[in-house]
Amino acid sequence: MEYLLYLGVGALAGLLGGLLGIGGGLVIVPVLVYSFQSHAFDPEVLTQMAIATSLATITFTSVSSVKAHHERGAVRWDLVRLLAPGIVLGTLIGAEVAHRLPGRSLQLLIGLFAMLMALQMFSNWRPGGTQAEPPPLPGKRGLFAGGSIIGLASALFGIGGGSLTVPWLNYHGTRMQEAVATSSACGMAIAVAGTLGFVATGLRAHNLPEQAIGYVYLPAFIGISISSVLFARVGVRLAHRLPAATLKKVFAVLLVVVGIQLISGVQ
């Protein structure tokens, strides 16, 4: 039954990712928090486990996405090379911060982030959306700093960073197709660094379940990885048939409910 749950979570995450272009972490982390609570895992480590496991699945599932974008020549590897060092540093720092934060504080942060993402989906707001001339991309230091912030936030929320990287690059004049493709490549750096960071910090944690490597819970990682890859393709096909704008608002409502529950501490 446990593996069936994780297969279902992966299917939903993959479906929504392909259909709406959202990161699977927005689905995976809250569901894993509830699942780990039902398994009576230690409240002080279960949120870190949900974040770490989400990042680990992104490591596995992002390969095909990056490959497809690269074959179409959409990945700005010049930007990836400049963003990646900051992303790796920020993600490793974020893993350490998450390790030191109480589990309840992490849940509050994730709940607030879910509410902000829901607001963005309802309003379809984009930074600088009405400006005539977008500002140019910052230099090496600016890209390093931007990557560090994206990596730090991604490690705290268990996401691949697309909800942050895409609008930031687009705001600075990068074409949307290139922003999405470049974000997927950056997501691999986030996932790899985050997984390693949470494995390392988890080795210092107590009361972890037997099937965990650091903070990564293997049954959830395996089940979600298998089904999310398959259902992402289904989501891409459905994107051309279903009203994605309406579905996005429905998902935003779900995020509001999830956010309220995480903030209020509902078990």
C-alpha atoms as a PDB file:
ATOM      1  CA  MET A   1       0.000   0.000   0.000  1.00  0.00           C
ATOM      2  CA  GLU A   2       2.865   2.356   0.767  1.00  0.00           C
ATOM      3  CA  TYR A   3       4.381   1.931  -2.691  1.00  0.00           C
ATOM      4  CA  LEU A   4       0.954   2.375  -4.303  1.00  0.00           C
ATOM      5  CA  LEU A   5       0.636   5.730  -2.535  1.00  0.00           C
ATOM      6  CA  TYR A   6       4.025   6.883  -3.803  1.00  0.00           C
ATOM      7  CA  LEU A   7       3.274   5.670  -7.322  1.00  0.00           C
ATOM      8  CA  GLY A   8       0.088   7.753  -7.164  1.00  0.00           C
ATOM      9  CA  VAL A   9       1.946  10.823  -5.905  1.00  0.00           C
ATOM     10  CA  GLY A  10       4.491  10.482  -8.701  1.00  0.00           C
ATOM     11  CA  ALA A  11       1.733  10.069 -11.285  1.00  0.00           C
ATOM     12  CA  LEU A  12      -0.016  13.233 -10.065  1.00  0.00           C
ATOM     13  CA  ALA A  13       3.227  15.207  -9.937  1.00  0.00           C
ATOM     14  CA  GLY A  14       4.244  14.083 -13.419  1.00  0.00           C
ATOM     15  CA  LEU A  15       0.786  14.726 -14.841  1.00  0.00           C
ATOM     16  CA  LEU A  16       0.587  18.253 -13.451  1.00  0.00           C
ATOM     17  CA  GLY A  17       4.162  18.979 -14.474  1.00  0.00           C
ATOM     18  CA  GLY A  18       3.485  18.006 -18.071  1.00  0.00           C
ATOM     19  CA  LEU A  19       0.036  19.582 -18.178  1.00  0.00           C
ATOM     20  CA  LEU A  20       0.654  22.887 -16.404  1.00  0.00           C
ATOM     21  CA  GLY A  21       4.438  23.220 -16.461  1.00  0.00           C
ATOM     22  CA  ILE A  22       4.670  23.383 -12.669  1.00  0.00           C
ATOM     23  CA  GLY A  23       7.299  21.744 -10.523  1.00  0.00           C
ATOM     24  CA  GLY A  24       6.444  18.384  -9.010  1.00  0.00           C
ATOM     25  CA  GLY A  25       7.771  19.497  -5.632  1.00  0.00           C
ATOM     26  CA  LEU A  26       4.648  21.604  -5.092  1.00  0.00           C
ATOM     27  CA  VAL A  27       2.712  18.312  -5.066  1.00  0.00           C
ATOM     28  CA  ILE A  28       5.267  15.901  -3.671  1.00  0.00           C
ATOM     29  CA  VAL A  29       6.400  17.734  -0.527  1.00  0.00           C
ATOM     30  CA  PRO A  30       2.966  18.345   1.091  1.00  0.00           C
ATOM     31  CA  VAL A  31       1.753  14.808   0.311  1.00  0.00           C
ATOM     32  CA  LEU A  32       4.926  13.285   1.736  1.00  0.00           C
ATOM     33  CA  VAL A  33       4.553  15.389   4.873  1.00  0.00           C
ATOM     34  CA  TYR A  34       1.064  13.948   5.407  1.00  0.00           C
ATOM     35  CA  SER A  35       2.236  10.427   4.516  1.00  0.00           C
ATOM     36  CA  PHE A  36       5.177  10.557   6.914  1.00  0.00           C
ATOM     37  CA  GLN A  37       2.896  11.869   9.652  1.00  0.00           C
ATOM     38  CA  SER A  38       0.594   8.870   9.135  1.00  0.00           C
ATOM     39  CA  HIS A  39       3.638   6.601   9.480  1.00  0.00           C
ATOM     40  CA  ALA A  40       4.395   8.290  12.825  1.00  0.00           C
ATOM     41  CA  PHE A  41       7.837   9.447  11.724  1.00  0.00           C
ATOM     42  CA  ASP A  42       9.576  11.852  14.085  1.00  0.00           C
ATOM     43  CA  PRO A  43       8.025  15.336  13.581  1.00  0.00           C
ATOM     44  CA  GLU A  44      11.484  16.879  13.875  1.00  0.00           C
ATOM     45  CA  VAL A  45      12.763  15.107  10.737  1.00  0.00           C
ATOM     46  CA  LEU A  46       9.753  14.238   8.576  1.00  0.00           C
ATOM     47  CA  THR A  47       9.570  17.630   6.807  1.00  0.00           C
ATOM     48  CA  GLN A  48      13.268  17.499   5.981  1.00  0.00           C
ATOM     49  CA  MET A  49      12.687  13.971   4.645  1.00  0.00           C
ATOM     50  CA  ALA A  50       9.842  15.186   2.424  1.00  0.00           C
ATOM     51  CA  ILE A  51      12.026  17.968   0.972  1.00  0.00           C
ATOM     52  CA  ALA A  52      15.049  15.704   0.453  1.00  0.00           C
ATOM     53  CA  THR A  53      13.017  12.946  -1.179  1.00  0.00           C
ATOM     54  CA  SER A  54      11.351  15.438  -3.512  1.00  0.00           C
ATOM     55  CA  LEU A  55      14.736  16.778  -4.636  1.00  0.00           C
ATOM     56  CA  ALA A  56      16.038  13.234  -5.147  1.00  0.00           C
ATOM     57  CA  THR A  57      13.150  12.410  -7.499  1.00  0.00           C
ATOM     58  CA  ILE A  58      13.891  15.557  -9.515  1.00  0.00           C
ATOM     59  CA  THR A  59      17.442  14.278 -10.039  1.00  0.00           C
ATOM     60  CA  PHE A  60      16.040  11.179 -11.678  1.00  0.00           C
ATOM     61  CA  THR A  61      13.184  12.701 -13.665  1.00  0.00           C
ATOM     62  CA  SER A  62      14.883  15.845 -15.013  1.00  0.00           C
ATOM     63  CA  VAL A  63      17.315  13.994 -17.279  1.00  0.00           C
ATOM     64  CA  SER A  64      14.778  13.315 -20.037  1.00  0.00           C
ATOM     65  CA  SER A  65      13.470  16.875 -19.860  1.00  0.00           C
ATOM     66  CA  VAL A  66      16.920  18.432 -20.240  1.00  0.00           C
ATOM     67  CA  LYS A  67      17.760  16.029 -23.065  1.00  0.00           C
ATOM     68  CA  ALA A  68      14.608  16.969 -24.989  1.00  0.00           C
ATOM     69  CA  HIS A  69      15.240  20.713 -24.536  1.00  0.00           C
ATOM     70  CA  HIS A  70      18.898  20.335 -25.539  1.00  0.00           C
ATOM     71  CA  GLU A  71      17.992  18.490 -28.729  1.00  0.00           C
ATOM     72  CA  ARG A  72      15.846  21.467 -29.715  1.00  0.00           C
ATOM     73  CA  GLY A  73      18.701  23.880 -28.998  1.00  0.00           C
ATOM     74  CA  ALA A  74      16.700  25.732 -26.337  1.00  0.00           C
ATOM     75  CA  VAL A  75      19.060  25.413 -23.354  1.00  0.00           C
ATOM     76  CA  ARG A  76      21.227  28.495 -22.764  1.00  0.00           C
ATOM     77  CA  TRP A  77      24.265  26.598 -21.532  1.00  0.00           C
ATOM     78  CA  ASP A  78      26.181  29.870 -21.257  1.00  0.00           C
ATOM     79  CA  LEU A  79      23.701  30.954 -18.574  1.00  0.00           C
ATOM     80  CA  VAL A  80      23.676  27.537 -16.919  1.00  0.00           C
ATOM     81  CA  ARG A  81      27.473  27.676 -16.493  1.00  0.00           C
ATOM     82  CA  LEU A  82      27.232  31.082 -14.803  1.00  0.00           C
ATOM     83  CA  LEU A  83      24.202  30.241 -12.646  1.00  0.00           C
ATOM     84  CA  ALA A  84      25.281  26.745 -11.577  1.00  0.00           C
ATOM     85  CA  PRO A  85      28.048  27.691  -9.082  1.00  0.00           C
ATOM     86  CA  GLY A  86      25.695  29.975  -7.172  1.00  0.00           C
ATOM     87  CA  ILE A  87      22.884  27.414  -7.390  1.00  0.00           C
ATOM     88  CA  VAL A  88      25.075  24.658  -5.950  1.00  0.00           C
ATOM     89  CA  LEU A  89      26.345  26.875  -3.125  1.00  0.00           C
ATOM     90  CA  GLY A  90      22.848  28.162  -2.296  1.00  0.00           C
ATOM     91  CA  THR A  91      21.369  24.655  -2.376  1.00  0.00           C
ATOM     92  CA  LEU A  92      24.020  23.248  -0.044  1.00  0.00           C
ATOM     93  CA  ILE A  93      23.487  26.157   2.351  1.00  0.00           C
ATOM     94  CA  GLY A  94      19.731  25.595   2.126  1.00  0.00           C
ATOM     95  CA  ALA A  95      20.144  21.903   3.028  1.00  0.00           C
ATOM     96  CA  GLU A  96      22.134  22.909   6.107  1.00  0.00           C
ATOM     97  CA  VAL A  97      19.576  25.558   7.084  1.00  0.00           C
ATOM     98  CA  ALA A  98      16.728  23.055   6.659  1.00  0.00           C
ATOM     99  CA  HIS A  99      18.618  20.565   8.836  1.00  0.00           C
ATOM    100  CA  ARG A 100      18.938  23.121  11.628  1.00  0.00           C
ATOM    101  CA  LEU A 101      15.360  24.465  11.449  1.00  0.00           C
ATOM    102  CA  PRO A 102      12.635  22.812  13.536  1.00  0.00           C
ATOM    103  CA  GLY A 103      10.291  20.687  11.423  1.00  0.00           C
ATOM    104  CA  ARG A 104       7.329  22.906  12.302  1.00  0.00           C
ATOM    105  CA  SER A 105       9.126  26.018  11.042  1.00  0.00           C
ATOM    106  CA  LEU A 106       9.842  24.295   7.743  1.00  0.00           C
ATOM    107  CA  GLN A 107       6.174  23.350   7.395  1.00  0.00           C
ATOM    108  CA  LEU A 108       5.210  26.993   7.929  1.00  0.00           C
ATOM    109  CA  LEU A 109       7.645  28.120   5.223  1.00  0.00           C
ATOM    110  CA  ILE A 110       6.340  25.529   2.756  1.00  0.00           C
ATOM    111  CA  GLY A 111       2.747  26.487   3.563  1.00  0.00           C
ATOM    112  CA  LEU A 112       3.466  30.164   2.905  1.00  0.00           C
ATOM    113  CA  PHE A 113       5.252  29.298  -0.335  1.00  0.00           C
ATOM    114  CA  ALA A 114       2.251  27.226  -1.488  1.00  0.00           C
ATOM    115  CA  MET A 115      -0.041  30.200  -0.809  1.00  0.00           C
ATOM    116  CA  LEU A 116       2.239  32.555  -2.766  1.00  0.00           C
ATOM    117  CA  MET A 117       2.347  30.149  -5.719  1.00  0.00           C
ATOM    118  CA  ALA A 118      -1.465  29.911  -5.616  1.00  0.00           C
ATOM    119  CA  LEU A 119      -1.721  33.708  -5.706  1.00  0.00           C
ATOM    120  CA  GLN A 120       0.641  33.820  -8.677  1.00  0.00           C
ATOM    121  CA  MET A 121      -1.440  31.211 -10.519  1.00  0.00           C
ATOM    122  CA  PHE A 122      -4.699  33.078  -9.875  1.00  0.00           C
ATOM    123  CA  SER A 123      -3.289  36.415 -11.011  1.00  0.00           C
ATOM    124  CA  ASN A 124      -0.877  35.066 -13.653  1.00  0.00           C
ATOM    125  CA  TRP A 125       1.496  37.776 -12.435  1.00  0.00           C
ATOM    126  CA  ARG A 126       4.987  37.984 -13.935  1.00  0.00           C
ATOM    127  CA  PRO A 127       7.741  40.352 -12.802  1.00  0.00           C
ATOM    128  CA  GLY A 128       8.031  43.256 -15.201  1.00  0.00           C
ATOM    129  CA  GLY A 129       5.114  41.955 -17.264  1.00  0.00           C
ATOM    130  CA  THR A 130       4.022  45.409 -18.443  1.00  0.00           C
ATOM    131  CA  GLN A 131       7.405  47.003 -19.040  1.00  0.00           C
ATOM    132  CA  ALA A 132       8.315  47.981 -22.592  1.00  0.00           C
ATOM    133  CA  GLU A 133      11.994  47.091 -22.417  1.00  0.00           C
ATOM    134  CA  PRO A 134      13.190  44.311 -20.069  1.00  0.00           C
ATOM    135  CA  PRO A 135      16.405  44.955 -18.146  1.00  0.00           C
ATOM    136  CA  PRO A 136      19.464  43.038 -19.368  1.00  0.00           C
ATOM    137  CA  LEU A 137      20.746  39.990 -17.544  1.00  0.00           C
ATOM    138  CA  PRO A 138      23.154  40.869 -14.745  1.00  0.00           C
ATOM    139  CA  GLY A 139      26.860  40.114 -15.015  1.00  0.00           C
ATOM    140  CA  LYS A 140      28.715  37.168 -13.548  1.00  0.00           C
ATOM    141  CA  ARG A 141      28.320  38.349  -9.963  1.00  0.00           C
ATOM    142  CA  GLY A 142      24.632  39.049 -10.433  1.00  0.00           C
ATOM    143  CA  LEU A 143      24.022  35.631 -11.965  1.00  0.00           C
ATOM    144  CA  PHE A 144      25.980  34.000  -9.142  1.00  0.00           C
ATOM    145  CA  ALA A 145      23.892  35.878  -6.566  1.00  0.00           C
ATOM    146  CA  GLY A 146      20.643  35.072  -8.371  1.00  0.00           C
ATOM    147  CA  GLY A 147      21.590  31.408  -8.594  1.00  0.00           C
ATOM    148  CA  SER A 148      22.436  31.340  -4.885  1.00  0.00           C
ATOM    149  CA  ILE A 149      19.009  32.702  -3.916  1.00  0.00           C
ATOM    150  CA  ILE A 150      17.231  30.257  -6.244  1.00  0.00           C
ATOM    151  CA  GLY A 151      19.256  27.345  -4.861  1.00  0.00           C
ATOM    152  CA  LEU A 152      18.635  28.345  -1.243  1.00  0.00           C
ATOM    153  CA  ALA A 153      14.874  28.659  -1.754  1.00  0.00           C
ATOM    154  CA  SER A 154      14.686  25.426  -3.740  1.00  0.00           C
ATOM    155  CA  ALA A 155      16.426  23.475  -0.977  1.00  0.00           C
ATOM    156  CA  LEU A 156      14.018  24.856   1.622  1.00  0.00           C
ATOM    157  CA  PHE A 157      10.899  24.065  -0.417  1.00  0.00           C
ATOM    158  CA  GLY A 158      11.977  20.853  -2.157  1.00  0.00           C
ATOM    159  CA  ILE A 159      11.443  22.199  -5.681  1.00  0.00           C
ATOM    160  CA  GLY A 160      13.490  22.201  -8.863  1.00  0.00           C
ATOM    161  CA  GLY A 161      13.490  26.002  -8.971  1.00  0.00           C
ATOM    162  CA  GLY A 162      11.421  26.439 -12.136  1.00  0.00           C
ATOM    163  CA  SER A 163       8.822  28.613 -10.430  1.00  0.00           C
ATOM    164  CA  LEU A 164      11.665  31.008  -9.545  1.00  0.00           C
ATOM    165  CA  THR A 165      14.157  30.636 -12.392  1.00  0.00           C
ATOM    166  CA  VAL A 166      11.717  30.910 -15.305  1.00  0.00           C
ATOM    167  CA  PRO A 167      10.089  34.243 -14.342  1.00  0.00           C
ATOM    168  CA  TRP A 168      13.461  35.687 -13.308  1.00  0.00           C
ATOM    169  CA  LEU A 169      15.112  34.859 -16.631  1.00  0.00           C
ATOM    170  CA  ASN A 170      12.025  35.939 -18.563  1.00  0.00           C
ATOM    171  CA  TYR A 171      11.973  39.242 -16.646  1.00  0.00           C
ATOM    172  CA  HIS A 172      15.520  39.877 -17.886  1.00  0.00           C
ATOM    173  CA  GLY A 173      14.514  39.371 -21.514  1.00  0.00           C
ATOM    174  CA  THR A 174      15.225  35.661 -22.033  1.00  0.00           C
ATOM    175  CA  ARG A 175      12.691  34.095 -24.406  1.00  0.00           C
ATOM    176  CA  MET A 176      10.159  31.928 -22.561  1.00  0.00           C
ATOM    177  CA  GLN A 177      11.158  28.733 -24.387  1.00  0.00           C
ATOM    178  CA  GLU A 178      14.816  29.316 -23.508  1.00  0.00           C
ATOM    179  CA  ALA A 179      13.944  30.292 -19.924  1.00  0.00           C
ATOM    180  CA  VAL A 180      12.008  27.040 -19.396  1.00  0.00           C
ATOM    181  CA  ALA A 181      14.749  24.930 -21.005  1.00  0.00           C
ATOM    182  CA  THR A 182      17.544  26.665 -19.088  1.00  0.00           C
ATOM    183  CA  SER A 183      15.567  26.318 -15.868  1.00  0.00           C
ATOM    184  CA  SER A 184      15.287  22.558 -16.403  1.00  0.00           C
ATOM    185  CA  ALA A 185      19.082  22.303 -16.701  1.00  0.00           C
ATOM    186  CA  CYS A 186      19.516  24.418 -13.575  1.00  0.00           C
ATOM    187  CA  GLY A 187      17.006  22.134 -11.861  1.00  0.00           C
ATOM    188  CA  MET A 188      19.399  19.226 -12.315  1.00  0.00           C
ATOM    189  CA  ALA A 189      22.102  21.170 -10.448  1.00  0.00           C
ATOM    190  CA  ILE A 190      19.614  21.964  -7.679  1.00  0.00           C
ATOM    191  CA  ALA A 191      18.461  18.354  -7.418  1.00  0.00           C
ATOM    192  CA  VAL A 192      21.945  16.821  -7.361  1.00  0.00           C
ATOM    193  CA  ALA A 193      23.379  19.345  -4.895  1.00  0.00           C
ATOM    194  CA  GLY A 194      20.246  19.214  -2.748  1.00  0.00           C
ATOM    195  CA  THR A 195      20.196  15.431  -2.610  1.00  0.00           C
ATOM    196  CA  LEU A 196      23.856  15.248  -1.648  1.00  0.00           C
ATOM    197  CA  GLY A 197      23.395  18.020   0.902  1.00  0.00           C
ATOM    198  CA  PHE A 198      20.385  16.369   2.541  1.00  0.00           C
ATOM    199  CA  VAL A 199      22.057  12.947   2.548  1.00  0.00           C
ATOM    200  CA  ALA A 200      25.088  14.470   4.288  1.00  0.00           C
ATOM    201  CA  THR A 201      23.116  16.493   6.835  1.00  0.00           C
ATOM    202  CA  GLY A 202      20.736  13.582   7.413  1.00  0.00           C
ATOM    203  CA  LEU A 203      23.631  11.417   8.558  1.00  0.00           C
ATOM    204  CA  ARG A 204      23.792  13.714  11.600  1.00  0.00           C
ATOM    205  CA  ALA A 205      20.055  13.387  12.307  1.00  0.00           C
ATOM    206  CA  HIS A 206      18.418  11.059  14.812  1.00  0.00           C
ATOM    207  CA  ASN A 207      15.256   8.922  14.675  1.00  0.00           C
ATOM    208  CA  LEU A 208      15.292   8.397  10.925  1.00  0.00           C
ATOM    209  CA  PRO A 209      13.452   5.312   9.574  1.00  0.00           C
ATOM    210  CA  GLU A 210      15.485   2.287   8.499  1.00  0.00           C
ATOM    211  CA  GLN A 211      14.847   2.760   4.778  1.00  0.00           C
ATOM    212  CA  ALA A 212      16.277   6.282   4.701  1.00  0.00           C
ATOM    213  CA  ILE A 213      19.668   7.298   3.353  1.00  0.00           C
ATOM    214  CA  GLY A 214      20.256  10.538   5.179  1.00  0.00           C
ATOM    215  CA  TYR A 215      16.988  12.406   4.793  1.00  0.00           C
ATOM    216  CA  VAL A 216      16.039  10.619   1.533  1.00  0.00           C
ATOM    217  CA  TYR A 217      13.313   8.011   2.108  1.00  0.00           C
ATOM    218  CA  LEU A 218      13.934   5.255  -0.439  1.00  0.00           C
ATOM    219  CA  PRO A 219      10.406   3.766  -0.836  1.00  0.00           C
ATOM    220  CA  ALA A 220       8.998   7.202  -1.701  1.00  0.00           C
ATOM    221  CA  PHE A 221      11.945   8.043  -3.955  1.00  0.00           C
ATOM    222  CA  ILE A 222      11.581   4.828  -5.979  1.00  0.00           C
ATOM    223  CA  GLY A 223       7.790   4.926  -6.332  1.00  0.00           C
ATOM    224  CA  ILE A 224       7.571   8.611  -7.249  1.00  0.00           C
ATOM    225  CA  SER A 225      10.471   8.446  -9.713  1.00  0.00           C
ATOM    226  CA  ILE A 226       8.985   5.526 -11.637  1.00  0.00           C
ATOM    227  CA  SER A 227       5.492   6.946 -12.146  1.00  0.00           C
ATOM    228  CA  SER A 228       6.318  10.643 -12.550  1.00  0.00           C
ATOM    229  CA  VAL A 229       8.411  10.015 -15.679  1.00  0.00           C
ATOM    230  CA  LEU A 230       5.619   8.031 -17.329  1.00  0.00           C
ATOM    231  CA  PHE A 231       2.799  10.425 -16.472  1.00  0.00           C
ATOM    232  CA  ALA A 232       4.718  13.570 -17.445  1.00  0.00           C
ATOM    233  CA  ARG A 233       4.364  12.413 -21.049  1.00  0.00           C
ATOM    234  CA  VAL A 234       0.624  11.935 -20.541  1.00  0.00           C
ATOM    235  CA  GLY A 235       0.389  15.457 -19.146  1.00  0.00           C
ATOM    236  CA  VAL A 236       2.152  16.915 -22.177  1.00  0.00           C
ATOM    237  CA  ARG A 237      -0.370  15.243 -24.487  1.00  0.00           C
ATOM    238  CA  LEU A 238      -3.339  16.402 -22.398  1.00  0.00           C
ATOM    239  CA  ALA A 239      -1.996  19.975 -22.416  1.00  0.00           C
ATOM    240  CA  HIS A 240      -3.105  20.257 -26.034  1.00  0.00           C
ATOM    241  CA  ARG A 241      -6.649  19.040 -25.302  1.00  0.00           C
ATOM    242  CA  LEU A 242      -7.704  20.444 -21.925  1.00  0.00           C
ATOM    243  CA  PRO A 243      -8.202  24.077 -20.773  1.00  0.00           C
ATOM    244  CA  ALA A 244      -4.881  24.505 -18.979  1.00  0.00           C
ATOM    245  CA  ALA A 245      -5.780  27.981 -17.650  1.00  0.00           C
ATOM    246  CA  THR A 246      -8.856  26.598 -15.860  1.00  0.00           C
ATOM    247  CA  LEU A 247      -6.949  23.596 -14.532  1.00  0.00           C
ATOM    248  CA  LYS A 248      -4.244  25.910 -13.233  1.00  0.00           C
ATOM    249  CA  LYS A 249      -6.797  27.826 -11.174  1.00  0.00           C
ATOM    250  CA  VAL A 250      -8.231  24.562  -9.822  1.00  0.00           C
ATOM    251  CA  PHE A 251      -4.750  23.515  -8.770  1.00  0.00           C
ATOM    252  CA  ALA A 252      -4.243  26.946  -7.200  1.00  0.00           C
ATOM    253  CA  VAL A 253      -7.295  26.299  -5.005  1.00  0.00           C
ATOM    254  CA  LEU A 254      -5.735  22.990  -3.961  1.00  0.00           C
ATOM    255  CA  LEU A 255      -2.519  24.809  -3.084  1.00  0.00           C
ATOM    256  CA  VAL A 256      -4.471  27.230  -0.894  1.00  0.00           C
ATOM    257  CA  VAL A 257      -5.995  24.311   1.022  1.00  0.00           C
ATOM    258  CA  VAL A 258      -2.590  22.643   1.380  1.00  0.00           C
ATOM    259  CA  GLY A 259      -0.996  25.904   2.478  1.00  0.00           C
ATOM    260  CA  ILE A 260      -3.653  26.553   5.120  1.00  0.00           C
ATOM    261  CA  GLN A 261      -3.271  23.030   6.512  1.00  0.00           C
ATOM    262  CA  LEU A 262       0.507  23.269   6.711  1.00  0.00           C
ATOM    263  CA  ILE A 263       0.366  26.711   8.324  1.00  0.00           C
ATOM    264  CA  SER A 264      -2.309  25.709  10.834  1.00  0.00           C
ATOM    265  CA  GLY A 265      -0.559  22.457  11.652  1.00  0.00           C
ATOM    266  CA  VAL A 266      -3.462  20.173  10.710  1.00  0.00           C
ATOM    267  CA  GLN A 267      -2.270  16.566  10.831  1.00  0.00           C
END
